[in-house]
């Protein structure tokens, strides 16, 4: 092909020189030969186009990211006389892997394993049983293939992570997708006005732990405007419990009526205050309005047991500590 292109170039140079050197009569006589010049130009252009086109078409696509190692991997280990089902649960935190092993038929549960990884090769060591599973992760990231070794036994073992079970959930307070029972992706959370009108209060992405949308807040709250200085301000975005009112109610439902309050037929509300800091963590719990007879202590207990998973309040674009208030009702049944 290189020689063909070279000759074609020589051909063009030859005819260019011919046109410059010869007389008009000679050029007229050679006209039939010159008719072929545009044809060769077109052919050369098509040839170069064909050579370049397939090269682009054959360019390999970028590799798709593989799923993370974290999750439960399941497989069967053949031993003399029976087959054992193994469940290996891998977790990842702060860039480090850990794993626990369950073998129900062997009555082995939550056995902690040491994990080491080098590229796609992993080893899981059980020091109590002097056992080790060394495996290589498949190219698509869905399979672990390796060898289980322990005194008196060496057997091949393939572990696969089952496909996630997804379900769409819609309730009065929220809507989103559950994967293996856990919320994933964007979830919508609602609140209701006094007339019963539902409004979208928040959209939270549970896969990235990121607040996507929050309805502007018009309530004046206690805010730490400067380090050590608290004042009142209308927030751009108020703190919000991740999971919404429905999830919060699961924890407040654990309230127990103290026996001393029941004997006195004491009813009413205990208001507990706490601070949601700039990272969304809750602390500094206090009784802002109490009832006594054990109700205050019970309200504090329940409030402290609620996970401190809040979105931080914002004043403009700045995250600020905000004091929140939560009421706990004590009623006779």
Protein backbone atom coordinates (compact mmCIF):
# COMPACT_ATOMS: atom_id res chain seq x y z
CA UNK A 1 0.00 0.00 0.00
CA UNK A 2 2.90 2.33 0.76
CA UNK A 3 4.33 1.78 -2.76
CA UNK A 4 0.91 2.42 -4.30
CA UNK A 5 0.61 5.73 -2.48
CA UNK A 6 4.16 6.64 -3.42
CA UNK A 7 3.55 5.92 -7.10
CA UNK A 8 0.33 7.86 -7.01
CA UNK A 9 2.21 10.86 -5.65
CA UNK A 10 4.82 10.47 -8.40
CA UNK A 11 1.97 10.37 -10.91
CA UNK A 12 0.55 13.66 -9.66
CA UNK A 13 4.00 15.29 -9.77
CA UNK A 14 4.57 13.99 -13.28
CA UNK A 15 1.35 15.42 -14.62
CA UNK A 16 1.89 18.74 -12.85
CA UNK A 17 5.32 19.00 -14.46
CA UNK A 18 3.83 17.97 -17.80
CA UNK A 19 1.30 20.79 -17.67
CA UNK A 20 3.98 23.37 -16.85
CA UNK A 21 6.60 22.29 -19.44
CA UNK A 22 4.59 21.40 -22.51
CA UNK A 23 3.06 23.73 -25.04
CA UNK A 24 -0.71 24.23 -25.36
CA UNK A 25 -0.77 22.02 -28.45
CA UNK A 26 1.02 19.22 -26.64
CA UNK A 27 -1.28 19.54 -23.62
CA UNK A 28 -4.27 19.36 -25.93
CA UNK A 29 -2.93 16.21 -27.53
CA UNK A 30 -2.40 14.59 -24.14
CA UNK A 31 -5.88 15.53 -22.90
CA UNK A 32 -7.23 11.94 -22.97
CA UNK A 33 -4.51 10.92 -20.53
CA UNK A 34 -5.27 13.82 -18.26
CA UNK A 35 -8.89 12.77 -17.91
CA UNK A 36 -7.67 9.95 -15.66
CA UNK A 37 -6.12 12.33 -13.15
CA UNK A 38 -9.37 13.23 -11.25
CA UNK A 39 -10.35 9.55 -11.21
CA UNK A 40 -7.10 8.58 -9.48
CA UNK A 41 -7.53 11.42 -7.00
CA UNK A 42 -10.97 10.12 -6.06
CA UNK A 43 -9.69 6.55 -5.81
CA UNK A 44 -6.79 7.64 -3.60
CA UNK A 45 -9.15 9.61 -1.35
CA UNK A 46 -11.48 6.60 -0.98
CA UNK A 47 -8.49 4.34 -0.27
CA UNK A 48 -7.22 6.60 2.50
CA UNK A 49 -10.73 6.91 3.92
CA UNK A 50 -11.11 3.12 4.03
CA UNK A 51 -7.74 2.73 5.73
CA UNK A 52 -8.62 5.29 8.42
CA UNK A 53 -12.25 4.30 9.00
CA UNK A 54 -11.83 0.75 10.30
CA UNK A 55 -9.00 1.84 12.61
CA UNK A 56 -11.44 4.11 14.44
CA UNK A 57 -14.18 1.50 14.45
CA UNK A 58 -11.85 -1.11 15.99
CA UNK A 59 -10.71 1.15 18.83
CA UNK A 60 -11.37 -0.83 22.05
CA UNK A 61 -13.91 0.61 24.47
CA UNK A 62 -12.82 1.58 27.96
CA UNK A 63 -13.19 -1.20 30.50
CA UNK A 64 -16.38 -0.93 32.56
CA UNK A 65 -15.76 -0.60 36.30
CA UNK A 66 -16.13 -3.87 38.18
CA UNK A 67 -18.39 -4.19 41.19
CA UNK A 68 -16.79 -3.79 44.61
CA UNK A 69 -15.68 -6.82 46.61
CA UNK A 70 -17.97 -5.97 49.51
CA UNK A 71 -20.94 -8.30 49.82
CA UNK A 72 -21.81 -11.92 50.54
CA UNK A 73 -20.20 -14.62 48.38
CA UNK A 74 -21.65 -18.14 48.34
CA UNK A 75 -20.29 -21.50 47.22
CA UNK A 76 -20.12 -25.25 47.95
CA UNK A 77 -17.12 -27.05 49.40
CA UNK A 78 -16.96 -30.82 48.76
CA UNK A 79 -15.47 -32.77 51.67
CA UNK A 80 -15.44 -36.54 52.23
CA UNK A 81 -19.01 -37.66 52.84
CA UNK A 82 -20.87 -34.38 52.30
CA UNK A 83 -20.99 -30.93 50.71
CA UNK A 84 -20.81 -27.77 52.81
CA UNK A 85 -22.35 -24.46 51.80
CA UNK A 86 -20.07 -21.51 52.61
CA UNK A 87 -21.11 -17.89 52.96
CA UNK A 88 -18.23 -15.41 52.93
CA UNK A 89 -19.19 -11.84 53.79
CA UNK A 90 -16.64 -9.21 52.82
CA UNK A 91 -16.78 -5.64 54.09
CA UNK A 92 -14.61 -2.66 53.21
CA UNK A 93 -13.96 0.34 55.46
CA UNK A 94 -11.29 3.02 55.14
CA UNK A 95 -9.72 1.11 52.25
CA UNK A 96 -9.25 -2.10 54.30
CA UNK A 97 -10.97 -5.44 53.76
CA UNK A 98 -12.38 -7.71 56.45
CA UNK A 99 -14.39 -10.90 56.21
CA UNK A 100 -16.50 -13.32 58.25
CA UNK A 101 -17.26 -16.92 57.33
CA UNK A 102 -20.48 -18.88 57.94
CA UNK A 103 -20.77 -22.66 57.40
CA UNK A 104 -24.25 -23.55 58.73
CA UNK A 105 -23.89 -27.35 58.41
CA UNK A 106 -20.64 -27.23 60.37
CA UNK A 107 -22.22 -24.99 63.04
CA UNK A 108 -19.66 -22.30 62.29
CA UNK A 109 -20.98 -18.74 62.40
CA UNK A 110 -19.36 -15.30 62.16
CA UNK A 111 -15.81 -16.69 62.09
CA UNK A 112 -13.48 -13.72 61.53
CA UNK A 113 -10.90 -14.20 58.77
CA UNK A 114 -7.72 -12.31 57.98
CA UNK A 115 -7.79 -10.86 54.47
CA UNK A 116 -4.90 -9.99 52.15
CA UNK A 117 -5.19 -8.70 48.59
CA UNK A 118 -2.67 -8.30 45.80
CA UNK A 119 -4.31 -7.04 42.62
CA UNK A 120 -6.93 -9.73 41.79
CA UNK A 121 -5.48 -12.38 44.10
CA UNK A 122 -7.02 -12.67 47.55
CA UNK A 123 -6.31 -14.85 50.56
CA UNK A 124 -8.61 -15.51 53.52
CA UNK A 125 -6.99 -17.10 56.57
CA UNK A 126 -8.76 -18.74 59.52
CA UNK A 127 -6.01 -19.06 62.19
CA UNK A 128 -8.24 -21.07 64.54
CA UNK A 129 -8.77 -23.85 62.00
CA UNK A 130 -5.37 -23.40 60.32
CA UNK A 131 -7.31 -23.00 57.07
CA UNK A 132 -6.73 -20.76 54.08
CA UNK A 133 -8.69 -19.91 50.95
CA UNK A 134 -6.66 -18.41 48.10
CA UNK A 135 -8.63 -17.21 45.11
CA UNK A 136 -8.45 -15.10 41.98
CA UNK A 137 -11.23 -12.71 41.12
CA UNK A 138 -12.77 -13.12 37.67
CA UNK A 139 -12.42 -10.40 35.04
CA UNK A 140 -16.06 -9.31 35.46
CA UNK A 141 -15.70 -9.24 39.25
CA UNK A 142 -18.55 -11.67 39.95
CA UNK A 143 -16.62 -14.87 40.77
CA UNK A 144 -13.85 -15.99 43.14
CA UNK A 145 -12.02 -19.13 41.95
CA UNK A 146 -9.43 -20.80 44.13
CA UNK A 147 -8.35 -23.52 46.54
CA UNK A 148 -9.43 -24.22 50.12
CA UNK A 149 -6.63 -25.74 52.19
CA UNK A 150 -6.50 -27.02 55.75
CA UNK A 151 -4.84 -30.02 57.42
CA UNK A 152 -6.06 -33.15 55.65
CA UNK A 153 -8.06 -31.30 53.01
CA UNK A 154 -7.34 -29.47 49.77
CA UNK A 155 -10.29 -28.76 47.51
CA UNK A 156 -11.29 -26.35 44.78
CA UNK A 157 -13.80 -23.70 45.76
CA UNK A 158 -15.75 -21.26 43.61
CA UNK A 159 -17.66 -18.44 45.30
CA UNK A 160 -20.23 -16.34 43.52
CA UNK A 161 -22.04 -13.25 44.70
CA UNK A 162 -25.79 -13.65 44.14
CA UNK A 163 -27.50 -11.02 42.04
CA UNK A 164 -28.98 -8.29 44.25
CA UNK A 165 -32.69 -8.46 45.02
CA UNK A 166 -34.30 -5.11 44.21
CA UNK A 167 -37.71 -3.84 45.19
CA UNK A 168 -39.49 -0.54 44.69
CA UNK A 169 -40.96 0.86 47.92
CA UNK A 170 -43.55 3.64 48.20
CA UNK A 171 -45.15 4.67 51.48
CA UNK A 172 -46.82 7.77 52.88
CA UNK A 173 -43.43 9.21 53.84
CA UNK A 174 -40.90 7.95 51.30
CA UNK A 175 -40.28 6.36 47.89
CA UNK A 176 -37.23 4.61 46.50
CA UNK A 177 -35.41 1.34 45.77
CA UNK A 178 -34.30 -1.33 48.23
CA UNK A 179 -31.42 -3.62 47.32
CA UNK A 180 -31.14 -6.67 49.56
CA UNK A 181 -33.22 -4.79 52.10
CA UNK A 182 -31.08 -1.62 52.08
CA UNK A 183 -31.96 1.71 50.41
CA UNK A 184 -29.91 2.50 47.30
CA UNK A 185 -29.91 5.38 44.86
CA UNK A 186 -32.07 8.49 45.21
CA UNK A 187 -34.98 8.37 47.68
CA UNK A 188 -37.75 10.92 47.95
CA UNK A 189 -38.99 11.93 51.41
CA UNK A 190 -42.22 13.82 52.08
CA UNK A 191 -43.86 15.90 54.74
CA UNK A 192 -47.47 17.06 55.09
CA UNK A 193 -49.01 20.48 55.59
CA UNK A 194 -51.79 21.13 58.10
CA UNK A 195 -54.42 20.64 55.38
CA UNK A 196 -52.98 17.23 54.46
CA UNK A 197 -51.17 18.37 51.30
CA UNK A 198 -48.07 16.28 50.65
CA UNK A 199 -44.83 18.08 49.76
CA UNK A 200 -41.46 16.78 48.66
CA UNK A 201 -39.14 17.60 51.56
CA UNK A 202 -35.91 15.93 50.55
CA UNK A 203 -34.18 13.76 47.96
CA UNK A 204 -31.26 11.78 49.39
CA UNK A 205 -28.93 9.50 47.40
CA UNK A 206 -28.13 6.55 49.68
CA UNK A 207 -25.53 5.16 47.27
CA UNK A 208 -23.36 8.27 47.49
CA UNK A 209 -24.54 9.56 50.91
CA UNK A 210 -25.35 12.88 49.28
CA UNK A 211 -28.28 15.24 49.70
CA UNK A 212 -29.68 15.97 46.23
CA UNK A 213 -32.58 18.27 47.13
CA UNK A 214 -34.00 19.90 50.26
CA UNK A 215 -37.03 22.16 50.47
CA UNK A 216 -36.10 25.65 51.75
CA UNK A 217 -36.80 26.14 55.44
CA UNK A 218 -38.62 29.25 56.72
CA UNK A 219 -38.36 28.53 60.46
CA UNK A 220 -36.06 30.63 62.66
CA UNK A 221 -33.67 28.37 64.58
CA UNK A 222 -30.82 28.52 67.06
CA UNK A 223 -27.57 28.56 65.11
CA UNK A 224 -23.90 28.84 66.02
CA UNK A 225 -23.21 31.89 63.86
CA UNK A 226 -19.56 32.09 64.91
CA UNK A 227 -17.45 29.76 67.08
CA UNK A 228 -18.94 30.02 70.58
CA UNK A 229 -21.60 32.57 69.57
CA UNK A 230 -25.20 31.37 69.18
CA UNK A 231 -28.03 33.39 67.74
CA UNK A 232 -31.29 33.08 65.81
CA UNK A 233 -31.32 32.76 62.02
CA UNK A 234 -33.50 31.53 59.20
CA UNK A 235 -31.61 28.67 57.58
CA UNK A 236 -31.22 28.06 53.89
CA UNK A 237 -31.53 24.36 54.68
CA UNK A 238 -32.54 22.83 58.01
CA UNK A 239 -31.04 19.62 59.42
CA UNK A 240 -32.90 16.52 58.27
CA UNK A 241 -32.84 13.00 59.64
CA UNK A 242 -31.60 10.64 56.92
CA UNK A 243 -34.48 8.25 56.28
CA UNK A 244 -37.22 10.78 57.02
CA UNK A 245 -40.02 10.80 59.61
CA UNK A 246 -40.94 7.16 59.00
CA UNK A 247 -37.47 5.89 59.96
CA UNK A 248 -37.27 8.31 62.88
CA UNK A 249 -40.58 6.95 64.21
CA UNK A 250 -39.05 3.47 64.43
CA UNK A 251 -36.74 4.74 67.17
CA UNK A 252 -39.15 7.02 69.01
CA UNK A 253 -41.59 4.09 69.21
CA UNK A 254 -39.21 2.52 71.74
CA UNK A 255 -40.39 4.98 74.40
CA UNK A 256 -41.40 3.25 77.66
CA UNK A 257 -43.86 4.79 80.12
CA UNK A 258 -42.11 4.93 83.56
CA UNK A 259 -44.00 3.12 86.34
CA UNK A 260 -43.78 6.16 88.65
CA UNK A 261 -45.45 8.37 86.02
CA UNK A 262 -48.20 5.80 85.48
CA UNK A 263 -48.98 5.67 89.19
CA UNK A 264 -49.41 9.44 89.16
CA UNK A 265 -51.44 9.36 85.92
CA UNK A 266 -48.85 11.79 84.57
CA UNK A 267 -49.32 12.74 80.91
CA UNK A 268 -47.66 15.31 78.70
CA UNK A 269 -44.58 15.90 76.56
CA UNK A 270 -40.87 15.97 77.26
CA UNK A 271 -38.87 18.12 74.85
CA UNK A 272 -35.25 17.15 74.28
CA UNK A 273 -32.78 19.45 72.51
CA UNK A 274 -29.54 18.44 70.82
CA UNK A 275 -27.02 19.93 68.42
CA UNK A 276 -26.51 18.72 64.84
CA UNK A 277 -22.96 19.72 63.88
CA UNK A 278 -21.52 20.55 60.46
CA UNK A 279 -20.92 16.86 59.72
CA UNK A 280 -24.48 15.81 60.60
CA UNK A 281 -23.57 14.25 63.96
CA UNK A 282 -25.89 14.74 66.95
CA UNK A 283 -24.61 15.57 70.46
CA UNK A 284 -25.19 17.71 73.56
CA UNK A 285 -28.57 16.26 74.55
CA UNK A 286 -30.56 18.28 77.08
CA UNK A 287 -34.08 18.30 78.52
CA UNK A 288 -35.61 21.59 77.38
CA UNK A 289 -39.03 20.90 78.94
CA UNK A 290 -39.59 18.05 81.39
CA UNK A 291 -42.34 16.16 83.21
CA UNK A 292 -40.41 14.40 85.96
CA UNK A 293 -41.19 10.99 87.51
CA UNK A 294 -38.72 9.27 85.20
CA UNK A 295 -40.14 10.69 81.96
CA UNK A 296 -37.21 13.05 81.41
CA UNK A 297 -34.64 10.28 81.75
CA UNK A 298 -36.63 7.99 79.43
CA UNK A 299 -36.89 10.69 76.74
CA UNK A 300 -33.14 11.31 76.96
CA UNK A 301 -32.44 7.58 76.67
CA UNK A 302 -34.48 7.23 73.50
CA UNK A 303 -33.07 10.42 71.96
CA UNK A 304 -29.49 9.26 72.51
CA UNK A 305 -30.31 5.85 70.99
CA UNK A 306 -31.37 7.45 67.67
CA UNK A 307 -28.52 7.14 65.13
CA UNK A 308 -26.80 10.47 64.62
CA UNK A 309 -27.32 10.40 60.86
CA UNK A 310 -28.51 13.87 59.92
CA UNK A 311 -27.83 16.20 57.05
CA UNK A 312 -26.13 19.36 58.29
CA UNK A 313 -27.99 22.65 58.41
CA UNK A 314 -26.81 25.39 56.06
CA UNK A 315 -26.81 29.14 56.25
CA UNK A 316 -26.21 30.26 52.70
CA UNK A 317 -23.54 27.89 51.39
CA UNK A 318 -21.97 27.35 54.84
CA UNK A 319 -22.71 24.36 57.08
CA UNK A 320 -23.48 25.50 60.63
CA UNK A 321 -24.24 23.76 63.96
CA UNK A 322 -27.98 23.90 64.70
CA UNK A 323 -29.88 23.13 67.90
CA UNK A 324 -32.80 20.81 67.20
CA UNK A 325 -35.83 20.06 69.39
CA UNK A 326 -37.70 16.76 69.58
CA UNK A 327 -40.89 16.13 71.61
CA UNK A 328 -41.72 12.79 73.25
CA UNK A 329 -45.36 12.25 74.26
CA UNK A 330 -46.34 10.27 77.35
CA UNK A 331 -49.98 9.21 77.29
CA UNK A 332 -52.04 6.73 79.29
CA UNK A 333 -53.45 3.93 77.14
